[in-house]
């Protein structure tokens, strides 16, 4: 009996130590995807410490929104392969939008236009969004800040 318990305990310990770690750091993977996209499309972007890349095409007004405000934004969202997953105009609290938008939109003022290249950690992470956005996707948004209040 003791031998069976000992054998069972050893099997459990071995199984636990061999457990596959499914946690993947997508930061470096996303960074390469973004850099490859920029190179392939002859684009030059700035980046933030969080891994967000951005291209300001029109800076807009001198006053910029903050996380506590509502923003009205015209946007087109697509994947690095060019597949458009959404576009339109929304008015929403900046604090309730994805982190990439929270970080990127305050870089411009009203009338400003920006392209955001958002690593998955600042987008939807490991969650897919229906069939349009697979898990761990780099997202690209062409955006115009229409207003904030």
N, C-alpha and C. Protein backbone atom coordinates (compact mmCIF):
# COMPACT_ATOMS: atom_id res chain seq x y z
N UNK A 1 0.82 -1.20 0.00
CA UNK A 1 0.00 0.00 0.00
C UNK A 1 0.86 1.26 0.00
N UNK A 2 1.87 1.27 0.84
CA UNK A 2 2.78 2.41 0.90
C UNK A 2 3.48 2.61 -0.44
N UNK A 3 3.83 1.49 -1.08
CA UNK A 3 4.49 1.56 -2.38
C UNK A 3 3.58 2.21 -3.41
N UNK A 4 2.28 1.86 -3.40
CA UNK A 4 1.32 2.44 -4.34
C UNK A 4 1.18 3.95 -4.10
N UNK A 5 1.12 4.35 -2.85
CA UNK A 5 0.99 5.77 -2.52
C UNK A 5 2.24 6.52 -2.97
N UNK A 6 3.41 5.95 -2.72
CA UNK A 6 4.66 6.57 -3.11
C UNK A 6 4.74 6.69 -4.63
N UNK A 7 4.37 5.62 -5.35
CA UNK A 7 4.37 5.64 -6.81
C UNK A 7 3.41 6.69 -7.34
N UNK A 8 2.22 6.76 -6.77
CA UNK A 8 1.21 7.75 -7.18
C UNK A 8 1.73 9.17 -6.93
N UNK A 9 2.38 9.39 -5.78
CA UNK A 9 2.94 10.70 -5.44
C UNK A 9 4.02 11.09 -6.44
N UNK A 10 4.87 10.17 -6.80
CA UNK A 10 5.95 10.45 -7.77
C UNK A 10 5.34 10.80 -9.13
N UNK A 11 4.33 10.07 -9.54
CA UNK A 11 3.68 10.37 -10.83
C UNK A 11 3.08 11.77 -10.83
N UNK A 12 2.43 12.15 -9.73
CA UNK A 12 1.84 13.49 -9.62
C UNK A 12 2.93 14.55 -9.68
N UNK A 13 4.02 14.35 -8.97
CA UNK A 13 5.12 15.32 -8.96
C UNK A 13 5.72 15.46 -10.36
N UNK A 14 5.93 14.33 -11.03
CA UNK A 14 6.48 14.37 -12.39
C UNK A 14 5.51 15.08 -13.33
N UNK A 15 4.25 14.76 -13.24
CA UNK A 15 3.25 15.38 -14.11
C UNK A 15 3.19 16.88 -13.87
N UNK A 16 3.25 17.29 -12.62
CA UNK A 16 3.19 18.71 -12.29
C UNK A 16 4.44 19.43 -12.81
N UNK A 17 5.60 18.79 -12.70
CA UNK A 17 6.82 19.44 -13.15
C UNK A 17 6.93 19.48 -14.68
N UNK A 18 6.22 18.59 -15.35
CA UNK A 18 6.24 18.56 -16.82
C UNK A 18 5.10 19.36 -17.44
N UNK A 19 4.29 19.96 -16.60
CA UNK A 19 3.15 20.71 -17.11
C UNK A 19 3.63 21.79 -18.08
N UNK A 20 3.03 21.83 -19.22
CA UNK A 20 3.40 22.78 -20.26
C UNK A 20 2.97 24.19 -19.85
N UNK A 21 3.88 25.14 -20.01
CA UNK A 21 3.57 26.53 -19.71
C UNK A 21 3.07 27.18 -21.00
N UNK A 22 1.77 27.47 -21.04
CA UNK A 22 1.17 28.05 -22.24
C UNK A 22 1.30 29.57 -22.28
N UNK A 23 1.96 30.15 -21.29
CA UNK A 23 2.12 31.59 -21.26
C UNK A 23 3.23 31.98 -22.22
N UNK A 24 2.89 32.78 -23.19
CA UNK A 24 3.85 33.24 -24.18
C UNK A 24 3.94 34.76 -24.09
N UNK A 25 5.15 35.28 -24.09
CA UNK A 25 5.34 36.72 -24.10
C UNK A 25 5.25 37.19 -25.55
N UNK A 26 4.12 37.79 -25.90
CA UNK A 26 3.91 38.24 -27.27
C UNK A 26 4.56 39.58 -27.57
N UNK A 27 5.13 40.23 -26.55
CA UNK A 27 5.77 41.53 -26.77
C UNK A 27 6.80 41.51 -27.89
N UNK A 28 7.81 40.65 -27.81
CA UNK A 28 8.81 40.60 -28.88
C UNK A 28 8.24 40.13 -30.22
N UNK A 29 7.28 39.23 -30.17
CA UNK A 29 6.64 38.74 -31.41
C UNK A 29 5.89 39.88 -32.08
N UNK A 30 5.08 40.60 -31.30
CA UNK A 30 4.31 41.73 -31.84
C UNK A 30 5.23 42.82 -32.35
N UNK A 31 6.32 43.07 -31.62
CA UNK A 31 7.26 44.11 -32.04
C UNK A 31 7.84 43.78 -33.42
N UNK A 32 8.18 42.53 -33.63
CA UNK A 32 8.72 42.12 -34.95
C UNK A 32 7.65 42.26 -36.03
N UNK A 33 6.42 41.86 -35.72
CA UNK A 33 5.32 41.98 -36.69
C UNK A 33 5.12 43.44 -37.08
N UNK A 34 5.14 44.33 -36.09
CA UNK A 34 4.95 45.76 -36.36
C UNK A 34 6.11 46.31 -37.18
N UNK A 35 7.33 45.98 -36.80
CA UNK A 35 8.50 46.47 -37.54
C UNK A 35 8.51 45.95 -38.97
N UNK A 36 8.14 44.69 -39.16
CA UNK A 36 8.05 44.13 -40.51
C UNK A 36 6.98 44.85 -41.33
N UNK A 37 5.84 45.16 -40.70
CA UNK A 37 4.77 45.89 -41.38
C UNK A 37 5.25 47.28 -41.79
N UNK A 38 5.93 47.96 -40.89
CA UNK A 38 6.43 49.30 -41.20
C UNK A 38 7.41 49.26 -42.37
N UNK A 39 8.31 48.30 -42.34
CA UNK A 39 9.30 48.15 -43.42
C UNK A 39 8.61 47.84 -44.75
N UNK A 40 7.69 46.88 -44.73
CA UNK A 40 7.00 46.47 -45.96
C UNK A 40 6.18 47.61 -46.57
N UNK A 41 5.74 48.54 -45.72
CA UNK A 41 4.90 49.63 -46.20
C UNK A 41 5.63 50.97 -46.24
N UNK A 42 6.96 50.92 -46.11
CA UNK A 42 7.82 52.11 -46.14
C UNK A 42 7.32 53.21 -45.21
N UNK A 43 7.01 52.82 -43.97
CA UNK A 43 6.52 53.76 -42.97
C UNK A 43 7.56 53.95 -41.87
N UNK A 44 7.58 55.14 -41.31
CA UNK A 44 8.43 55.44 -40.17
C UNK A 44 7.53 55.83 -39.02
N UNK A 45 7.70 55.17 -37.89
CA UNK A 45 6.84 55.42 -36.73
C UNK A 45 7.68 55.67 -35.50
N UNK A 46 7.07 56.34 -34.54
CA UNK A 46 7.65 56.48 -33.21
C UNK A 46 7.03 55.41 -32.34
N UNK A 47 7.69 55.11 -31.22
CA UNK A 47 7.13 54.11 -30.31
C UNK A 47 7.17 54.63 -28.88
N UNK A 48 6.35 54.01 -28.06
CA UNK A 48 6.30 54.33 -26.63
C UNK A 48 6.92 53.17 -25.86
N UNK A 49 7.23 53.36 -24.59
CA UNK A 49 7.80 52.25 -23.80
C UNK A 49 6.88 51.03 -23.71
N UNK A 50 5.58 51.22 -23.87
CA UNK A 50 4.63 50.09 -23.78
C UNK A 50 4.63 49.22 -25.03
N UNK A 51 5.24 49.71 -26.12
CA UNK A 51 5.26 48.95 -27.37
C UNK A 51 4.30 49.48 -28.42
N UNK A 52 3.56 50.55 -28.12
CA UNK A 52 2.68 51.18 -29.09
C UNK A 52 3.53 51.92 -30.11
N UNK A 53 3.22 51.73 -31.39
CA UNK A 53 3.84 52.51 -32.46
C UNK A 53 2.79 53.45 -33.01
N UNK A 54 3.24 54.65 -33.42
CA UNK A 54 2.28 55.62 -33.94
C UNK A 54 2.92 56.52 -34.98
N UNK A 55 2.07 56.99 -35.87
CA UNK A 55 2.46 57.94 -36.90
C UNK A 55 1.43 59.06 -36.87
N UNK A 56 1.85 60.25 -36.49
CA UNK A 56 0.95 61.40 -36.49
C UNK A 56 1.05 62.06 -37.85
N UNK A 57 -0.06 62.04 -38.59
CA UNK A 57 -0.06 62.68 -39.91
C UNK A 57 -0.54 64.12 -39.84
N UNK A 58 -1.43 64.42 -38.89
CA UNK A 58 -1.91 65.77 -38.62
C UNK A 58 -2.00 65.90 -37.10
N UNK A 59 -1.26 66.84 -36.49
CA UNK A 59 -1.27 66.91 -35.03
C UNK A 59 -2.59 67.42 -34.43
N UNK A 60 -3.35 68.18 -35.16
CA UNK A 60 -4.60 68.71 -34.62
C UNK A 60 -4.36 69.87 -33.68
N UNK A 61 -5.36 70.19 -32.88
CA UNK A 61 -5.29 71.32 -31.96
C UNK A 61 -4.27 71.14 -30.85
N UNK A 62 -4.02 72.23 -30.14
CA UNK A 62 -3.01 72.22 -29.08
C UNK A 62 -3.48 71.52 -27.81
N UNK A 63 -4.77 71.44 -27.58
CA UNK A 63 -5.30 70.79 -26.39
C UNK A 63 -5.64 69.34 -26.74
N UNK A 64 -5.19 68.42 -25.89
CA UNK A 64 -5.36 66.99 -26.16
C UNK A 64 -6.26 66.37 -25.10
N UNK A 65 -6.97 65.29 -25.47
CA UNK A 65 -7.85 64.63 -24.51
C UNK A 65 -7.06 63.89 -23.44
N UNK A 66 -7.73 63.66 -22.31
CA UNK A 66 -7.13 62.81 -21.28
C UNK A 66 -8.07 61.63 -21.02
N UNK A 67 -7.62 60.72 -20.23
CA UNK A 67 -8.31 59.46 -19.98
C UNK A 67 -9.72 59.65 -19.41
N UNK A 68 -10.00 60.80 -18.79
CA UNK A 68 -11.28 61.04 -18.13
C UNK A 68 -12.35 61.63 -19.05
N UNK A 69 -12.02 61.83 -20.30
CA UNK A 69 -12.94 62.51 -21.22
C UNK A 69 -13.59 61.56 -22.22
N UNK A 70 -14.68 62.03 -22.79
CA UNK A 70 -15.33 61.34 -23.91
C UNK A 70 -14.60 61.78 -25.18
N UNK A 71 -14.42 60.86 -26.10
CA UNK A 71 -13.79 61.20 -27.38
C UNK A 71 -14.74 60.81 -28.51
N UNK A 72 -14.75 61.63 -29.54
CA UNK A 72 -15.48 61.30 -30.76
C UNK A 72 -14.42 61.07 -31.82
N UNK A 73 -14.42 59.84 -32.36
CA UNK A 73 -13.34 59.41 -33.23
C UNK A 73 -13.89 58.75 -34.49
N UNK A 74 -13.33 59.14 -35.62
CA UNK A 74 -13.58 58.44 -36.89
C UNK A 74 -12.38 57.49 -37.05
N UNK A 75 -12.66 56.22 -37.35
CA UNK A 75 -11.57 55.24 -37.38
C UNK A 75 -11.80 54.15 -38.41
N UNK A 76 -10.70 53.51 -38.76
CA UNK A 76 -10.72 52.27 -39.55
C UNK A 76 -9.73 51.35 -38.88
N UNK A 77 -10.18 50.14 -38.52
CA UNK A 77 -9.31 49.17 -37.88
C UNK A 77 -9.07 47.99 -38.80
N UNK A 78 -7.81 47.57 -38.86
CA UNK A 78 -7.47 46.44 -39.72
C UNK A 78 -6.29 45.66 -39.15
N UNK A 79 -6.12 44.47 -39.66
CA UNK A 79 -5.01 43.61 -39.27
C UNK A 79 -3.81 43.89 -40.17
N UNK A 80 -2.67 43.34 -39.82
CA UNK A 80 -1.46 43.60 -40.61
C UNK A 80 -1.55 43.02 -42.03
N UNK A 81 -2.46 42.10 -42.25
CA UNK A 81 -2.64 41.55 -43.61
C UNK A 81 -3.59 42.41 -44.44
N UNK A 82 -4.08 43.52 -43.86
CA UNK A 82 -4.95 44.44 -44.58
C UNK A 82 -6.44 44.20 -44.39
N UNK A 83 -6.80 43.13 -43.71
CA UNK A 83 -8.21 42.81 -43.48
C UNK A 83 -8.84 43.85 -42.55
N UNK A 84 -9.84 44.57 -43.05
CA UNK A 84 -10.55 45.56 -42.24
C UNK A 84 -11.54 44.82 -41.35
N UNK A 85 -11.48 45.07 -40.05
CA UNK A 85 -12.41 44.41 -39.14
C UNK A 85 -13.48 45.36 -38.61
N UNK A 86 -13.27 46.68 -38.74
CA UNK A 86 -14.28 47.63 -38.27
C UNK A 86 -13.92 49.02 -38.75
N UNK A 87 -14.94 49.84 -38.92
CA UNK A 87 -14.72 51.25 -39.23
C UNK A 87 -15.98 52.02 -38.93
N UNK A 88 -15.82 53.30 -38.67
CA UNK A 88 -16.98 54.12 -38.37
C UNK A 88 -16.60 55.30 -37.51
N UNK A 89 -17.59 55.84 -36.84
CA UNK A 89 -17.42 56.96 -35.93
C UNK A 89 -18.06 56.58 -34.60
N UNK A 90 -17.33 56.79 -33.51
CA UNK A 90 -17.88 56.49 -32.19
C UNK A 90 -17.62 57.66 -31.25
N UNK A 91 -18.46 57.74 -30.24
CA UNK A 91 -18.24 58.64 -29.11
C UNK A 91 -18.27 57.77 -27.88
N UNK A 92 -17.17 57.79 -27.14
CA UNK A 92 -17.03 56.89 -26.01
C UNK A 92 -16.07 57.49 -25.00
N UNK A 93 -16.19 57.05 -23.76
CA UNK A 93 -15.23 57.46 -22.73
C UNK A 93 -13.88 56.82 -23.06
N UNK A 94 -12.85 57.62 -23.12
CA UNK A 94 -11.53 57.10 -23.46
C UNK A 94 -11.10 56.00 -22.47
N UNK A 95 -11.51 56.13 -21.23
CA UNK A 95 -11.12 55.14 -20.21
C UNK A 95 -11.72 53.76 -20.46
N UNK A 96 -12.73 53.68 -21.31
CA UNK A 96 -13.38 52.39 -21.56
C UNK A 96 -12.96 51.76 -22.90
N UNK A 97 -12.00 52.37 -23.55
CA UNK A 97 -11.52 51.85 -24.82
C UNK A 97 -10.23 51.05 -24.59
N UNK A 98 -9.78 50.34 -25.62
CA UNK A 98 -8.57 49.53 -25.47
C UNK A 98 -7.38 50.42 -25.10
N UNK A 99 -6.41 49.82 -24.45
CA UNK A 99 -5.26 50.57 -23.94
C UNK A 99 -4.49 51.28 -25.05
N UNK A 100 -4.44 50.69 -26.22
CA UNK A 100 -3.75 51.34 -27.33
C UNK A 100 -4.38 52.67 -27.70
N UNK A 101 -5.70 52.73 -27.66
CA UNK A 101 -6.41 53.99 -27.91
C UNK A 101 -6.19 54.95 -26.76
N UNK A 102 -6.24 54.44 -25.53
CA UNK A 102 -6.05 55.28 -24.36
C UNK A 102 -4.69 55.98 -24.39
N UNK A 103 -3.71 55.29 -24.88
CA UNK A 103 -2.36 55.84 -24.95
C UNK A 103 -2.14 56.68 -26.21
N UNK A 104 -2.74 56.28 -27.32
CA UNK A 104 -2.48 56.94 -28.59
C UNK A 104 -3.28 58.21 -28.85
N UNK A 105 -4.56 58.21 -28.50
CA UNK A 105 -5.39 59.38 -28.81
C UNK A 105 -4.94 60.67 -28.11
N UNK A 106 -4.43 60.61 -26.89
CA UNK A 106 -3.95 61.85 -26.27
C UNK A 106 -2.72 62.46 -26.94
N UNK A 107 -2.18 61.80 -27.94
CA UNK A 107 -1.03 62.35 -28.66
C UNK A 107 -1.45 63.39 -29.70
N UNK A 108 -2.77 63.50 -29.97
CA UNK A 108 -3.25 64.45 -30.97
C UNK A 108 -4.38 65.30 -30.38
N UNK A 109 -4.65 66.42 -31.05
CA UNK A 109 -5.76 67.28 -30.67
C UNK A 109 -6.89 67.14 -31.67
N UNK A 110 -7.95 67.92 -31.46
CA UNK A 110 -9.11 67.88 -32.37
C UNK A 110 -8.64 68.18 -33.80
N UNK A 111 -9.12 67.38 -34.73
CA UNK A 111 -8.70 67.50 -36.13
C UNK A 111 -7.45 66.71 -36.44
N UNK A 112 -6.84 66.14 -35.42
CA UNK A 112 -5.62 65.37 -35.60
C UNK A 112 -5.89 64.00 -36.21
N UNK A 113 -4.90 63.53 -36.93
CA UNK A 113 -4.98 62.20 -37.55
C UNK A 113 -3.75 61.41 -37.15
N UNK A 114 -3.98 60.15 -36.81
CA UNK A 114 -2.91 59.29 -36.32
C UNK A 114 -3.13 57.85 -36.79
N UNK A 115 -2.03 57.17 -37.03
CA UNK A 115 -2.07 55.73 -37.29
C UNK A 115 -1.47 55.07 -36.05
N UNK A 116 -2.23 54.16 -35.46
CA UNK A 116 -1.75 53.42 -34.30
C UNK A 116 -1.48 51.98 -34.70
N UNK A 117 -0.32 51.48 -34.34
CA UNK A 117 0.03 50.07 -34.54
C UNK A 117 0.13 49.49 -33.13
N UNK A 118 -0.87 48.72 -32.78
CA UNK A 118 -1.10 48.33 -31.39
C UNK A 118 -0.72 46.87 -31.16
N UNK A 119 0.26 46.63 -30.29
CA UNK A 119 0.58 45.23 -29.96
C UNK A 119 -0.59 44.59 -29.23
N UNK A 120 -0.66 43.29 -29.27
CA UNK A 120 -1.81 42.58 -28.72
C UNK A 120 -2.07 42.90 -27.25
N UNK A 121 -1.03 43.12 -26.47
CA UNK A 121 -1.22 43.42 -25.04
C UNK A 121 -1.96 44.73 -24.82
N UNK A 122 -1.92 45.64 -25.77
CA UNK A 122 -2.62 46.91 -25.67
C UNK A 122 -3.94 46.90 -26.44
N UNK A 123 -4.24 45.74 -27.03
CA UNK A 123 -5.50 45.56 -27.76
C UNK A 123 -6.40 44.61 -27.00
N UNK A 124 -6.62 43.44 -27.58
CA UNK A 124 -7.50 42.45 -26.95
C UNK A 124 -6.75 41.28 -26.35
N UNK A 125 -5.41 41.31 -26.40
CA UNK A 125 -4.60 40.26 -25.78
C UNK A 125 -4.93 38.88 -26.32
N UNK A 126 -5.09 37.94 -25.42
CA UNK A 126 -5.31 36.55 -25.82
C UNK A 126 -6.79 36.24 -26.09
N UNK A 127 -7.62 37.27 -26.10
CA UNK A 127 -9.05 37.08 -26.40
C UNK A 127 -9.32 37.42 -27.86
N UNK A 128 -9.97 36.51 -28.55
CA UNK A 128 -10.40 36.83 -29.91
C UNK A 128 -11.66 37.67 -29.82
N UNK A 129 -11.93 38.41 -30.87
CA UNK A 129 -13.15 39.22 -30.94
C UNK A 129 -13.97 38.68 -32.11
N UNK A 130 -14.77 37.69 -31.81
CA UNK A 130 -15.53 37.01 -32.86
C UNK A 130 -14.58 36.35 -33.83
N UNK A 131 -14.97 36.33 -35.09
CA UNK A 131 -14.10 35.76 -36.11
C UNK A 131 -13.25 36.83 -36.78
N UNK A 132 -13.53 38.10 -36.52
CA UNK A 132 -12.84 39.20 -37.19
C UNK A 132 -11.43 39.43 -36.65
N UNK A 133 -11.26 39.28 -35.34
CA UNK A 133 -9.96 39.56 -34.72
C UNK A 133 -9.50 38.33 -33.95
N UNK A 134 -8.50 37.63 -34.48
CA UNK A 134 -7.97 36.46 -33.77
C UNK A 134 -7.26 36.87 -32.48
N UNK A 135 -7.14 35.96 -31.55
CA UNK A 135 -6.39 36.21 -30.31
C UNK A 135 -4.96 36.62 -30.65
N UNK A 136 -4.39 37.45 -29.81
CA UNK A 136 -2.99 37.90 -29.93
C UNK A 136 -2.70 38.63 -31.24
N UNK A 137 -3.67 39.39 -31.72
CA UNK A 137 -3.49 40.13 -32.98
C UNK A 137 -2.91 41.52 -32.75
N UNK A 138 -1.99 41.89 -33.63
CA UNK A 138 -1.56 43.28 -33.74
C UNK A 138 -2.68 44.00 -34.48
N UNK A 139 -3.08 45.16 -33.96
CA UNK A 139 -4.17 45.94 -34.56
C UNK A 139 -3.62 47.24 -35.12
N UNK A 140 -4.16 47.65 -36.24
CA UNK A 140 -3.78 48.93 -36.84
C UNK A 140 -5.04 49.77 -36.98
N UNK A 141 -4.93 51.01 -36.56
CA UNK A 141 -6.05 51.93 -36.66
C UNK A 141 -5.60 53.22 -37.32
N UNK A 142 -6.36 53.65 -38.33
CA UNK A 142 -6.24 54.99 -38.88
C UNK A 142 -7.34 55.78 -38.20
N UNK A 143 -6.97 56.88 -37.53
CA UNK A 143 -7.93 57.58 -36.68
C UNK A 143 -7.88 59.08 -36.90
N UNK A 144 -9.05 59.69 -36.72
CA UNK A 144 -9.16 61.14 -36.70
C UNK A 144 -9.94 61.52 -35.45
N UNK A 145 -9.36 62.38 -34.64
CA UNK A 145 -10.02 62.84 -33.43
C UNK A 145 -10.94 64.00 -33.81
N UNK A 146 -12.24 63.76 -33.78
CA UNK A 146 -13.24 64.76 -34.18
C UNK A 146 -13.56 65.73 -33.07
N UNK A 147 -13.57 65.24 -31.82
CA UNK A 147 -13.91 66.09 -30.69
C UNK A 147 -13.64 65.34 -29.40
N UNK A 148 -13.57 66.07 -28.32
CA UNK A 148 -13.56 65.46 -26.99
C UNK A 148 -14.18 66.43 -26.01
N UNK A 149 -14.76 65.88 -24.95
CA UNK A 149 -15.47 66.71 -23.98
C UNK A 149 -15.60 65.98 -22.64
